[in-house]
Amino acid sequence: MPNDTTHDGDQLELAERHALRRVAGMSTELADVTEVEYRQLRLERVVLVGVWTSGTLTEAENSLAELAQLAETAGSEVLDGLIQRRQSPDPSTFVGRGKVAELRDAVIASEADTVIADGELSPSQLRNLEQEVKVKVVDRTALILDIFAQHAKSREGKAQVELAQLQYLVPRLRGWGETLSRQAGGRAGGAGGGVGTRGPGETKLETDRRRIRTRIARLRRDIAGMRVARDTKRADRNRHGIPSVAIAGYTNAGKSSILNRLTGAGVLVENALFATLDPTTRRAHASDGRDYTLSDTVGFVAHLPHQLVDAFRSTLEEVAEADLIVHVVDGSHPDPAAQVRAVREVFADIGADTIPELLVINKVDAVDPETALLLHSDWPDAVTVSAHTGTGIDALRAAIEDRLPRPAIDVKVIVPYIRGDLVAKIRARGEVLALDHLEDGTHIHARVDEGLAAELTSFAR
C-alpha cells in the first residue's frame, strides 16, 4: 500500500460524523418512553470527580484524564477535576460529606451545569449527590452510553446501544411532584379525590418502567434476529476454511488505522474514543495466496459497562470466534500496561482469553527512544508499528500470516487444465507446498481443509 501520511484510509464517514455531532446525555424524566429520545441532558460545562481507592496517584489521575477524554468526545467542556482518597466510595454520595461541599464550591466557581463521576453510581448515590451539588450528575457508565449512542450508525449498533441505555435507565427512573402521579391509589385518593381516583392506581414511573421493559424485550428479539445474519456469514467463512483475524484493543489505540493500512478498507478514523462501533470485515490475501478475513471491532475501555458487554455480545463474538486476535496497544499512552490488562479482562468476559494473541504496539512515531526500549523489554514478542506513517506494517502483515492456522489435510493431486477453478480454490483456501505445470495437468502438493480435500479426492495421485 502507498505510504500516505496525510490520512488513514479514505475517511469515508469523517465529514458526516462531524456534521451530525450533537451534545446530548441521558434524561430520566420521561414524558412518554415510547416516543422520547432517552438522551436529552446537555453536557456542556462539566466538573469531574473521582475516588482513588487503590493503586498509585498517577493511576488515579490517568483514570480522571481518560474521563475527561470521554467527556470531550461526548461534546463537553471540562472545567475542573477533583480526586478524593478513600478506602471505598461513600455509599451515600460517592464522595465523602466534606468533599461534597468542596465539589459544590467548584461547580459554583466554574458555573458548570453537570458533574461527571468516575465510576458507576447507584440510584441513591446519584439522587443524593444531585441534591447536594444542585446540578445534574452523570456517572461514567451513562457517559459511555451517550458516546455509543452518538456514534452508532448501523441498525444493529443503534439497537444494541438503545438496549444498553434502557437496561441502565430502568433502576434510575425518578421524577418530582405532580409528574409522578397518573392515578392515585388507596387512601392517596382521599376525600375530594372523587370517583375514579381511588383504587390500585399506577404511578408515572411504574408506567414508564413497564413500557421500557416491553421495549427491552422487543430489542432483544430484534438483536437476536440480526445475530442470525451475522452467524450465517461467519458459518459461510468457516465452511470454506477461511481463517479470521480480529483486530481488538483499547479505544483509540489505532485499530481502524491498522485495518486501513492492511486492507485499504477506508474505515472511519478519528482521534476520539469509540469512533468505531460497527464492526468492519475485509478480506485479505497472504503472500502464499491464502485468503483470510480481518475484522475491526469496537474498542474496549477500563470498567466497560456490563450493559454494553451484554448488548454488544453478538458483535464481540467476532473476537471470541476468531482464529487470531491482533491486540493493538497505544504505545504513546501514559500507562499502556493498564490498557492491556483492561482489554484482557474483557477477553476473559467474552470467552476469548484462550485464542492466540498477537500484541501490536501502535503509535511508535509518537514515542521517545527510551520509552520504546521499555515497551520492547516489557513485551519482547510484540510487533511495533505506526499506522500513521506505515512503519512496521509489512512486519505486522508477515507476523499475522505466520500465525494463521494451517490447513489440516495434506493432498497431492493432478488437476486438469480445464479445472482452473480448483487451482484457484487451493491457492485461496489452502497452503501450496509445491506446484508444477506438466503435460497431463497441474501437479499440486498442498495442505487444505476437509471440505476442499473431499472435492479433490478424484484428482489424487
Protein backbone atom coordinates (compact mmCIF):
# COMPACT_ATOMS: atom_id res chain seq x y z
CA MET A 1 0.00 0.00 0.00
CA PRO A 2 1.20 3.56 -0.54
CA ASN A 3 2.94 5.18 2.40
CA ASP A 4 0.49 8.07 2.75
CA THR A 5 0.98 10.03 5.96
CA THR A 6 -1.75 12.59 5.34
CA HIS A 7 -4.73 10.44 6.25
CA ASP A 8 -5.78 6.93 7.20
CA GLY A 9 -7.87 5.22 4.54
CA ASP A 10 -10.44 7.26 2.67
CA GLN A 11 -12.10 8.74 5.75
CA LEU A 12 -15.46 7.91 4.24
CA GLU A 13 -17.52 8.88 7.29
CA LEU A 14 -15.45 11.57 9.00
CA ALA A 15 -17.21 14.57 7.47
CA GLU A 16 -20.58 13.02 8.20
CA ARG A 17 -19.56 12.30 11.79
CA HIS A 18 -18.59 15.92 12.36
CA ALA A 19 -21.72 17.23 10.67
CA LEU A 20 -24.01 15.11 12.84
CA ARG A 21 -22.29 15.62 16.20
CA ARG A 22 -24.56 16.87 18.91
CA VAL A 23 -24.33 17.41 22.64
CA ALA A 24 -26.60 15.02 24.47
CA GLY A 25 -26.83 12.91 27.59
CA MET A 26 -29.45 10.84 29.33
CA SER A 27 -32.70 12.14 30.77
CA THR A 28 -34.57 10.20 33.42
CA GLU A 29 -37.63 12.44 33.41
CA LEU A 30 -39.63 10.83 30.62
CA ALA A 31 -42.73 12.30 29.02
CA ASP A 32 -43.57 9.15 27.12
CA VAL A 33 -40.93 6.44 26.97
CA THR A 34 -42.31 5.01 23.76
CA GLU A 35 -41.70 8.24 21.87
CA VAL A 36 -38.98 10.31 23.54
CA GLU A 37 -35.27 10.09 22.91
CA TYR A 38 -33.52 8.98 26.06
CA ARG A 39 -30.56 11.34 25.78
CA GLN A 40 -31.71 14.91 26.35
CA LEU A 41 -29.27 16.06 29.01
CA ARG A 42 -26.95 18.87 27.98
CA LEU A 43 -23.32 18.04 28.73
CA GLU A 44 -21.70 21.39 28.00
CA ARG A 45 -19.74 22.58 31.04
CA VAL A 46 -18.68 19.81 33.39
CA VAL A 47 -16.71 19.18 36.57
CA LEU A 48 -15.19 15.72 37.05
CA VAL A 49 -14.91 13.90 40.36
CA GLY A 50 -13.17 10.62 41.15
CA VAL A 51 -12.50 8.42 44.18
CA TRP A 52 -9.00 6.98 44.49
CA THR A 53 -9.36 3.67 46.32
CA SER A 54 -6.30 1.70 45.21
CA GLY A 55 -3.15 1.91 43.11
CA THR A 56 -0.97 4.97 42.72
CA LEU A 57 -1.93 8.62 42.43
CA THR A 58 -0.67 8.55 38.83
CA GLU A 59 -3.12 5.75 38.01
CA ALA A 60 -5.96 7.72 39.60
CA GLU A 61 -5.01 10.83 37.62
CA ASN A 62 -4.79 8.80 34.40
CA SER A 63 -8.30 7.48 35.05
CA LEU A 64 -9.64 11.02 35.51
CA ALA A 65 -7.77 12.16 32.38
CA GLU A 66 -9.48 9.37 30.45
CA LEU A 67 -12.83 10.51 31.88
CA ALA A 68 -12.03 13.99 30.56
CA GLN A 69 -11.40 12.50 27.10
CA LEU A 70 -14.72 10.69 27.31
CA ALA A 71 -16.50 13.91 28.30
CA GLU A 72 -14.90 15.84 25.44
CA THR A 73 -15.84 13.08 23.00
CA ALA A 74 -19.44 13.47 24.17
CA GLY A 75 -19.26 17.20 23.40
CA SER A 76 -18.47 18.63 26.84
CA GLU A 77 -16.10 21.32 28.02
CA VAL A 78 -14.18 20.08 31.07
CA LEU A 79 -13.70 22.89 33.60
CA ASP A 80 -12.28 21.16 36.68
CA GLY A 81 -11.40 17.77 38.15
CA LEU A 82 -11.28 16.57 41.74
CA ILE A 83 -9.98 13.34 43.27
CA GLN A 84 -10.61 12.09 46.80
CA ARG A 85 -8.53 9.45 48.56
CA ARG A 86 -10.82 6.93 50.28
CA GLN A 87 -10.76 3.23 51.13
CA SER A 88 -14.06 2.84 49.27
CA PRO A 89 -16.64 5.15 47.68
CA ASP A 90 -19.10 6.68 50.11
CA PRO A 91 -22.32 4.59 49.96
CA SER A 92 -24.45 7.70 50.22
CA THR A 93 -22.83 10.33 47.99
CA PHE A 94 -19.88 8.52 46.29
CA VAL A 95 -17.53 11.16 47.74
CA GLY A 96 -17.36 11.95 51.45
CA ARG A 97 -19.53 14.57 53.12
CA GLY A 98 -16.72 17.15 53.23
CA LYS A 99 -15.85 16.55 49.60
CA VAL A 100 -19.45 17.19 48.56
CA ALA A 101 -19.21 20.78 49.83
CA GLU A 102 -15.91 21.26 48.01
CA LEU A 103 -17.44 19.82 44.84
CA ARG A 104 -20.40 22.18 45.16
CA ASP A 105 -17.99 25.14 45.52
CA ALA A 106 -16.12 24.04 42.37
CA VAL A 107 -19.42 23.81 40.46
CA ILE A 108 -20.43 27.32 41.56
CA ALA A 109 -17.00 28.82 40.83
CA SER A 110 -16.80 27.32 37.32
CA GLU A 111 -20.51 27.83 36.54
CA ALA A 112 -20.74 24.19 35.49
CA ASP A 113 -24.08 22.61 34.68
CA THR A 114 -23.09 18.94 35.12
CA VAL A 115 -20.93 16.78 37.39
CA ILE A 116 -19.48 13.55 35.96
CA ALA A 117 -18.40 10.87 38.44
CA ASP A 118 -15.58 8.46 37.57
CA GLY A 119 -17.49 5.31 38.44
CA GLU A 120 -20.94 3.77 38.24
CA LEU A 121 -23.26 5.35 40.79
CA SER A 122 -26.15 3.56 42.43
CA PRO A 123 -29.58 5.21 42.06
CA SER A 124 -29.39 6.50 45.64
CA GLN A 125 -25.86 7.89 45.20
CA LEU A 126 -26.97 9.62 42.02
CA ARG A 127 -30.01 11.16 43.72
CA ASN A 128 -28.16 12.21 46.91
CA LEU A 129 -25.21 13.74 45.07
CA GLU A 130 -27.55 15.65 42.78
CA GLN A 131 -29.43 17.08 45.76
CA GLU A 132 -26.18 18.24 47.33
CA VAL A 133 -24.47 19.87 44.33
CA LYS A 134 -27.71 21.25 42.82
CA VAL A 135 -26.81 20.35 39.22
CA LYS A 136 -27.26 17.26 37.09
CA VAL A 137 -24.97 14.34 37.96
CA VAL A 138 -23.87 11.74 35.38
CA ASP A 139 -21.71 8.71 36.04
CA ARG A 140 -19.06 7.12 33.83
CA THR A 141 -21.44 4.45 32.55
CA ALA A 142 -24.06 6.98 31.40
CA LEU A 143 -21.32 8.99 29.68
CA ILE A 144 -20.01 5.97 27.74
CA LEU A 145 -23.56 5.02 26.77
CA ASP A 146 -24.10 8.54 25.46
CA ILE A 147 -20.97 8.36 23.29
CA PHE A 148 -22.06 4.98 21.93
CA ALA A 149 -25.47 6.44 21.11
CA GLN A 150 -23.87 9.34 19.22
CA HIS A 151 -21.58 7.08 17.21
CA ALA A 152 -23.81 4.10 16.42
CA LYS A 153 -24.68 4.06 12.73
CA SER A 154 -25.94 0.64 11.69
CA ARG A 155 -29.37 -0.69 12.62
CA GLU A 156 -27.78 -3.36 14.79
CA GLY A 157 -25.48 -0.87 16.51
CA LYS A 158 -28.34 1.50 17.31
CA ALA A 159 -30.45 -1.33 18.70
CA GLN A 160 -27.57 -2.58 20.87
CA VAL A 161 -26.93 0.89 22.27
CA GLU A 162 -30.61 1.53 22.99
CA LEU A 163 -30.85 -1.81 24.79
CA ALA A 164 -27.84 -0.94 26.96
CA GLN A 165 -29.27 2.51 27.72
CA LEU A 166 -32.64 1.14 28.76
CA GLN A 167 -31.08 -1.53 30.98
CA TYR A 168 -29.12 1.23 32.70
CA LEU A 169 -32.15 3.52 32.89
CA VAL A 170 -34.75 1.24 34.49
CA PRO A 171 -33.47 1.34 38.11
CA ARG A 172 -32.68 5.06 37.84
CA LEU A 173 -36.05 6.39 36.77
CA ARG A 174 -37.15 9.19 39.04
CA GLY A 175 -39.42 12.21 38.98
CA TRP A 176 -40.63 15.10 41.06
CA GLY A 177 -44.02 16.28 42.36
CA GLU A 178 -47.01 16.12 40.09
CA THR A 179 -45.14 14.42 37.27
CA LEU A 180 -45.17 11.17 39.24
CA SER A 181 -48.94 10.77 39.52
CA ARG A 182 -51.06 9.16 36.85
CA GLN A 183 -53.77 7.87 39.18
CA ALA A 184 -53.91 7.93 42.96
CA GLY A 185 -54.36 4.61 44.71
CA GLY A 186 -55.85 3.53 48.04
CA ARG A 187 -56.04 6.33 50.63
CA ALA A 188 -53.97 8.55 48.33
CA GLY A 189 -57.23 9.44 46.58
CA GLY A 190 -58.61 10.66 49.86
CA ALA A 191 -61.55 12.96 50.34
CA GLY A 192 -62.07 15.29 47.46
CA GLY A 193 -60.34 12.97 45.05
CA GLY A 194 -63.64 11.98 43.55
CA VAL A 195 -64.87 8.91 41.77
CA GLY A 196 -62.21 7.22 39.69
CA THR A 197 -59.27 8.46 41.72
CA ARG A 198 -59.33 5.65 44.29
CA GLY A 199 -58.07 2.13 43.71
CA PRO A 200 -54.80 0.40 42.97
CA GLY A 201 -53.62 3.10 40.54
CA GLU A 202 -50.33 3.28 38.70
CA THR A 203 -47.66 5.96 39.04
CA LYS A 204 -45.97 7.50 36.06
CA LEU A 205 -42.71 5.75 36.99
CA GLU A 206 -44.42 2.38 37.08
CA THR A 207 -45.91 3.05 33.66
CA ASP A 208 -42.52 4.12 32.32
CA ARG A 209 -40.82 1.02 33.74
CA ARG A 210 -43.45 -1.23 32.21
CA ARG A 211 -43.09 0.40 28.80
CA ILE A 212 -39.30 0.27 28.97
CA ARG A 213 -39.33 -3.44 29.84
CA THR A 214 -41.61 -4.04 26.87
CA ARG A 215 -39.19 -2.13 24.65
CA ILE A 216 -36.23 -4.10 26.07
CA ALA A 217 -37.94 -7.38 25.20
CA ARG A 218 -38.58 -6.17 21.64
CA LEU A 219 -34.97 -5.01 21.21
CA ARG A 220 -33.67 -8.36 22.43
CA ARG A 221 -35.80 -10.11 19.80
CA ASP A 222 -34.60 -7.73 17.07
CA ILE A 223 -30.94 -8.18 18.00
CA ALA A 224 -31.37 -11.95 18.10
CA GLY A 225 -32.76 -11.78 14.55
CA MET A 226 -29.79 -9.67 13.38
CA ARG A 227 -27.46 -12.14 15.01
CA VAL A 228 -28.75 -14.88 12.70
CA ALA A 229 -27.44 -12.98 9.66
CA ARG A 230 -24.06 -12.44 11.35
CA ASP A 231 -23.84 -16.12 12.31
CA THR A 232 -24.72 -17.15 8.75
CA LYS A 233 -21.87 -15.08 7.31
CA ARG A 234 -19.46 -16.47 9.90
CA ALA A 235 -20.57 -20.04 9.23
CA ASP A 236 -20.06 -19.50 5.50
CA ARG A 237 -16.48 -18.35 6.12
CA ASN A 238 -15.84 -21.31 8.41
CA ARG A 239 -17.31 -23.76 5.89
CA HIS A 240 -14.89 -22.52 3.28
CA GLY A 241 -11.97 -22.74 5.69
CA ILE A 242 -11.20 -19.01 5.63
CA PRO A 243 -9.22 -18.03 8.76
CA SER A 244 -10.50 -14.99 10.65
CA VAL A 245 -8.38 -12.35 12.36
CA ALA A 246 -9.96 -9.88 14.81
CA ILE A 247 -8.30 -6.52 15.46
CA ALA A 248 -9.13 -5.67 19.07
CA GLY A 249 -7.81 -3.38 21.76
CA TYR A 250 -8.37 -0.29 23.85
CA THR A 251 -10.44 2.50 22.38
CA ASN A 252 -8.43 4.99 20.29
CA ALA A 253 -5.44 2.64 20.08
CA GLY A 254 -5.48 2.84 16.27
CA LYS A 255 -7.31 -0.37 15.29
CA SER A 256 -9.17 1.19 12.34
CA SER A 257 -5.98 2.84 11.09
CA ILE A 258 -4.23 -0.52 11.10
CA LEU A 259 -7.13 -2.16 9.23
CA ASN A 260 -6.91 0.60 6.62
CA ARG A 261 -3.16 0.10 6.26
CA LEU A 262 -3.51 -3.66 5.88
CA THR A 263 -6.50 -3.73 3.53
CA GLY A 264 -7.26 -0.21 2.24
CA ALA A 265 -10.70 -0.52 3.84
CA GLY A 266 -11.39 3.21 4.09
CA VAL A 267 -12.86 2.83 7.59
CA LEU A 268 -13.57 5.98 9.61
CA VAL A 269 -10.53 7.07 11.62
CA GLU A 270 -10.92 9.82 14.20
CA ASN A 271 -8.84 10.84 17.21
CA ALA A 272 -11.74 10.21 19.55
CA LEU A 273 -12.84 7.48 21.91
CA PHE A 274 -15.23 4.87 20.48
CA ALA A 275 -15.07 6.22 16.93
CA THR A 276 -15.74 2.65 15.70
CA LEU A 277 -18.86 0.85 16.92
CA ASP A 278 -19.99 -1.04 13.85
CA PRO A 279 -17.53 -3.86 13.04
CA THR A 280 -15.99 -3.93 9.59
CA THR A 281 -14.74 -7.15 7.97
CA ARG A 282 -12.45 -7.14 4.94
CA ARG A 283 -10.82 -9.98 3.02
CA ALA A 284 -7.02 -10.03 2.80
CA HIS A 285 -4.56 -12.20 0.89
CA ALA A 286 -1.48 -13.82 2.36
CA SER A 287 1.76 -13.85 0.40
CA ASP A 288 1.31 -17.58 -0.28
CA GLY A 289 -2.10 -16.92 -1.89
CA ARG A 290 -4.35 -17.92 1.01
CA ASP A 291 -7.36 -15.76 1.88
CA TYR A 292 -8.24 -14.62 5.40
CA THR A 293 -10.53 -12.01 6.91
CA LEU A 294 -9.64 -9.01 9.08
CA SER A 295 -12.34 -7.56 11.35
CA ASP A 296 -12.18 -4.17 13.06
CA THR A 297 -14.08 -4.32 16.36
CA VAL A 298 -15.46 -1.95 18.97
CA GLY A 299 -12.81 -0.57 21.32
CA PHE A 300 -12.66 -1.53 24.97
CA VAL A 301 -12.14 0.71 27.98
CA ALA A 302 -11.41 0.24 31.67
CA HIS A 303 -14.63 -0.59 33.57
CA LEU A 304 -16.57 -1.15 30.35
CA PRO A 305 -20.25 -1.04 31.42
CA HIS A 306 -21.66 -4.54 31.78
CA GLN A 307 -24.80 -3.39 29.94
CA LEU A 308 -22.66 -2.74 26.86
CA VAL A 309 -20.85 -6.07 27.07
CA ASP A 310 -24.25 -7.78 27.24
CA ALA A 311 -25.84 -5.72 24.45
CA PHE A 312 -22.81 -5.99 22.14
CA ARG A 313 -22.22 -9.69 22.81
CA SER A 314 -23.17 -10.71 19.27
CA THR A 315 -20.69 -8.16 17.89
CA LEU A 316 -17.97 -9.16 20.34
CA GLU A 317 -18.32 -12.75 19.16
CA GLU A 318 -16.29 -11.64 16.12
CA VAL A 319 -13.42 -11.56 18.64
CA ALA A 320 -14.43 -14.65 20.63
CA GLU A 321 -14.64 -16.85 17.50
CA ALA A 322 -11.58 -15.54 15.66
CA ASP A 323 -8.59 -17.73 14.86
CA LEU A 324 -6.19 -14.95 15.88
CA ILE A 325 -6.58 -11.72 17.86
CA VAL A 326 -4.42 -8.77 16.87
CA HIS A 327 -4.36 -6.87 20.16
CA VAL A 328 -3.48 -3.23 19.43
CA VAL A 329 -1.92 -1.11 22.20
CA ASP A 330 -1.34 2.65 22.17
CA GLY A 331 2.39 2.90 22.85
CA SER A 332 2.13 6.66 23.45
CA HIS A 333 -0.37 6.25 26.31
CA PRO A 334 0.94 7.09 29.81
CA ASP A 335 0.10 3.59 31.07
CA PRO A 336 -0.20 1.07 28.19
CA ALA A 337 0.10 -1.87 30.61
CA ALA A 338 -3.16 -0.82 32.29
CA GLN A 339 -4.84 -0.75 28.88
CA VAL A 340 -3.60 -4.26 28.13
CA ARG A 341 -4.97 -5.52 31.47
CA ALA A 342 -8.37 -3.88 30.86
CA VAL A 343 -8.65 -5.41 27.38
CA ARG A 344 -7.66 -8.87 28.56
CA GLU A 345 -10.34 -8.66 31.27
CA VAL A 346 -12.94 -8.16 28.54
CA PHE A 347 -11.40 -11.05 26.57
CA ALA A 348 -11.99 -13.24 29.64
CA ASP A 349 -15.60 -11.97 29.95
CA ILE A 350 -16.46 -12.97 26.38
CA GLY A 351 -14.51 -16.24 26.35
CA ALA A 352 -11.73 -15.01 24.06
CA ASP A 353 -8.83 -15.43 26.50
CA THR A 354 -7.80 -18.80 25.03
CA ILE A 355 -7.46 -17.54 21.44
CA PRO A 356 -3.92 -16.92 20.13
CA GLU A 357 -2.98 -13.25 20.57
CA LEU A 358 -0.54 -11.08 18.62
CA LEU A 359 0.33 -7.93 20.58
CA VAL A 360 0.89 -4.84 18.41
CA ILE A 361 2.32 -1.62 19.85
CA ASN A 362 1.00 1.23 17.72
CA LYS A 363 1.92 4.95 17.50
CA VAL A 364 5.66 4.36 17.89
CA ASP A 365 6.19 7.56 15.89
CA ALA A 366 4.92 9.44 18.98
CA VAL A 367 7.16 7.59 21.46
CA ASP A 368 10.63 8.69 22.59
CA PRO A 369 13.51 6.16 22.23
CA GLU A 370 13.72 5.46 25.98
CA THR A 371 10.02 4.62 26.20
CA ALA A 372 10.31 2.46 23.07
CA LEU A 373 13.05 0.41 24.76
CA LEU A 374 10.91 -0.03 27.88
CA LEU A 375 7.96 -1.20 25.79
CA HIS A 376 10.15 -3.69 23.95
CA SER A 377 11.53 -5.05 27.23
CA ASP A 378 8.01 -5.43 28.66
CA TRP A 379 6.66 -7.14 25.53
CA PRO A 380 9.61 -8.59 23.58
CA ASP A 381 7.35 -10.61 21.25
CA ALA A 382 5.18 -7.64 20.27
CA VAL A 383 5.26 -6.04 16.81
CA THR A 384 5.87 -2.28 16.85
CA VAL A 385 4.16 -0.19 14.17
CA SER A 386 2.97 3.28 13.27
CA ALA A 387 -0.31 3.17 11.39
CA HIS A 388 0.13 6.89 10.75
CA THR A 389 3.48 6.63 8.93
CA GLY A 390 3.29 2.99 7.80
CA THR A 391 6.35 1.94 9.78
CA GLY A 392 6.27 -1.77 10.68
CA ILE A 393 3.12 -2.58 8.69
CA ASP A 394 4.92 -5.08 6.45
CA ALA A 395 6.35 -6.83 9.53
CA LEU A 396 2.86 -6.91 11.06
CA ARG A 397 1.39 -8.42 7.90
CA ALA A 398 4.10 -11.10 7.93
CA ALA A 399 3.52 -11.83 11.63
CA ILE A 400 -0.22 -12.26 11.02
CA GLU A 401 0.37 -14.61 8.08
CA ASP A 402 2.85 -16.65 10.13
CA ARG A 403 0.23 -17.17 12.87
CA LEU A 404 -2.70 -18.08 10.61
CA PRO A 405 -3.94 -21.63 11.25
CA ARG A 406 -2.56 -24.18 8.79
CA PRO A 407 -4.96 -26.38 6.79
CA ALA A 408 -5.13 -29.86 8.26
CA ILE A 409 -5.07 -32.31 5.32
CA ASP A 410 -2.06 -33.00 3.09
CA VAL A 411 -3.02 -33.70 -0.57
CA LYS A 412 -1.16 -34.45 -3.80
CA VAL A 413 -3.33 -34.00 -6.88
CA ILE A 414 -3.19 -33.66 -10.65
CA VAL A 415 -5.74 -31.05 -11.69
CA PRO A 416 -6.70 -30.95 -15.40
CA TYR A 417 -6.09 -27.62 -17.07
CA ILE A 418 -9.81 -27.22 -17.71
CA ARG A 419 -10.34 -27.12 -13.91
CA GLY A 420 -8.55 -23.88 -13.22
CA ASP A 421 -11.29 -23.10 -10.68
CA LEU A 422 -9.95 -25.87 -8.43
CA VAL A 423 -6.42 -24.50 -8.62
CA ALA A 424 -7.76 -21.08 -7.61
CA LYS A 425 -9.58 -22.66 -4.63
CA ILE A 426 -6.44 -24.44 -3.50
CA ARG A 427 -4.48 -21.19 -3.67
CA ALA A 428 -7.15 -19.23 -1.78
CA ARG A 429 -8.08 -21.78 0.87
CA GLY A 430 -5.02 -23.97 1.18
CA GLU A 431 -1.27 -23.78 1.60
CA VAL A 432 0.53 -24.69 -1.64
CA LEU A 433 3.75 -26.60 -0.88
CA ALA A 434 4.72 -27.44 -4.49
CA LEU A 435 3.23 -26.76 -7.94
CA ASP A 436 4.29 -27.95 -11.38
CA HIS A 437 2.65 -27.47 -14.78
CA LEU A 438 3.12 -30.77 -16.63
CA GLU A 439 1.65 -32.32 -19.77
CA ASP A 440 -1.28 -34.06 -18.03
CA GLY A 441 -2.26 -31.12 -15.80
CA THR A 442 -1.21 -29.09 -12.81
CA HIS A 443 0.59 -31.19 -10.20
CA ILE A 444 -0.04 -29.72 -6.75
CA HIS A 445 1.17 -30.69 -3.29
CA ALA A 446 -0.82 -28.68 -0.72
CA ARG A 447 -2.48 -28.64 2.66
CA VAL A 448 -6.22 -27.97 2.53
CA ASP A 449 -9.34 -28.06 4.72
CA GLU A 450 -11.59 -31.11 4.92
CA GLY A 451 -14.24 -29.78 2.54
CA LEU A 452 -11.76 -29.00 -0.21
CA ALA A 453 -9.92 -32.30 0.35
CA ALA A 454 -13.17 -34.17 -0.33
CA GLU A 455 -13.66 -32.15 -3.50
CA LEU A 456 -10.17 -33.11 -4.70
CA THR A 457 -10.45 -36.85 -3.98
CA SER A 458 -10.96 -37.84 -7.64
CA PHE A 459 -7.78 -35.98 -8.68
CA ALA A 460 -5.45 -37.67 -6.17
CA ARG A 461 -2.22 -39.14 -7.50
